[in-house]
Amino acid sequence: MPECGGQPELQKSQLLEAKEAFQKLTEISALLNTGLSPEVLAHCVRLCEAGVNPEVLAQILLEIRKELSAIGSGYDAPE
């Protein structure tokens, strides 16, 4: 039976790398003033990993912000 002693270390290493990558992505997002919270950014990353087109996702986020802004100001944006 093969020994699995290295498996947990590999998983820890992969988890650490993923956390570091996400921290860097969060920093880039902040530098670009995207206004995305870490939670929303994580959802966007997962969607992109699942095959969602990033440009389409960006357009949808912009549209949602536009709608929320219109709702918040009490102004009905023309369609």
Protein backbone atom coordinates (compact mmCIF):
# COMPACT_ATOMS: atom_id res chain seq x y z
CA MET A 1 0.00 0.00 0.00
CA PRO A 2 1.52 3.40 -0.98
CA GLU A 3 2.24 5.82 1.79
CA CYS A 4 0.12 8.98 1.83
CA GLY A 5 2.34 10.93 4.20
CA GLY A 6 3.02 13.71 1.67
CA GLN A 7 -0.62 14.24 0.78
CA PRO A 8 -1.59 16.51 3.73
CA GLU A 9 1.54 18.60 3.18
CA LEU A 10 0.68 19.00 -0.50
CA GLN A 11 -2.85 20.07 0.40
CA LYS A 12 -1.52 22.57 2.95
CA SER A 13 0.88 23.95 0.37
CA GLN A 14 -1.87 24.31 -2.23
CA LEU A 15 -4.16 25.97 0.30
CA LEU A 16 -1.43 28.42 1.31
CA GLU A 17 -0.73 29.26 -2.34
CA ALA A 18 -4.44 29.82 -3.00
CA LYS A 19 -4.75 32.12 0.04
CA GLU A 20 -1.70 34.12 -1.03
CA ALA A 21 -3.01 34.44 -4.59
CA PHE A 22 -6.39 35.63 -3.31
CA GLN A 23 -4.71 38.17 -1.00
CA LYS A 24 -2.80 39.56 -3.98
CA LEU A 25 -5.97 39.64 -6.05
CA THR A 26 -7.74 41.52 -3.25
CA GLU A 27 -4.89 44.05 -3.11
CA ILE A 28 -5.05 44.57 -6.89
CA SER A 29 -8.81 45.01 -6.67
CA ALA A 30 -8.34 47.68 -3.98
CA LEU A 31 -5.62 49.46 -5.99
CA LEU A 32 -7.95 49.58 -8.98
CA ASN A 33 -10.78 50.93 -6.78
CA THR A 34 -13.19 48.23 -7.96
CA GLY A 35 -15.28 48.58 -4.82
CA LEU A 36 -15.64 44.80 -4.64
CA SER A 37 -15.68 43.28 -1.20
CA PRO A 38 -13.52 40.18 -0.67
CA GLU A 39 -16.71 38.11 -0.61
CA VAL A 40 -17.96 39.44 -3.95
CA LEU A 41 -14.47 39.10 -5.42
CA ALA A 42 -14.37 35.46 -4.29
CA HIS A 43 -17.73 34.82 -5.98
CA CYS A 44 -16.44 36.43 -9.18
CA VAL A 45 -13.33 34.27 -9.12
CA ARG A 46 -15.44 31.14 -8.66
CA LEU A 47 -17.71 32.13 -11.53
CA CYS A 48 -14.73 32.73 -13.81
CA GLU A 49 -13.21 29.39 -12.77
CA ALA A 50 -16.55 27.80 -13.68
CA GLY A 51 -16.31 29.22 -17.20
CA VAL A 52 -18.21 32.50 -17.00
CA ASN A 53 -16.85 35.10 -19.41
CA PRO A 54 -15.07 37.74 -17.26
CA GLU A 55 -16.03 40.60 -19.58
CA VAL A 56 -19.70 39.65 -19.41
CA LEU A 57 -19.45 39.32 -15.63
CA ALA A 58 -17.92 42.81 -15.42
CA GLN A 59 -20.75 44.24 -17.52
CA ILE A 60 -23.34 42.57 -15.31
CA LEU A 61 -21.68 43.98 -12.18
CA LEU A 62 -21.66 47.46 -13.70
CA GLU A 63 -25.34 47.14 -14.60
CA ILE A 64 -26.21 45.98 -11.08
CA ARG A 65 -24.34 48.96 -9.61
CA LYS A 66 -26.17 51.29 -11.97
CA GLU A 67 -29.54 49.84 -10.94
CA LEU A 68 -28.67 49.99 -7.24
CA SER A 69 -27.58 53.59 -7.63
CA ALA A 70 -30.85 54.46 -9.37
CA ILE A 71 -32.85 52.73 -6.64
CA GLY A 72 -30.83 54.43 -3.91
CA SER A 73 -31.35 57.88 -5.37
CA GLY A 74 -35.05 57.30 -5.94
CA TYR A 75 -34.60 58.02 -9.62
CA ASP A 76 -36.05 55.69 -12.24
CA ALA A 77 -33.45 55.36 -14.98
CA PRO A 78 -34.91 55.43 -18.47
CA GLU A 79 -34.87 52.11 -20.26
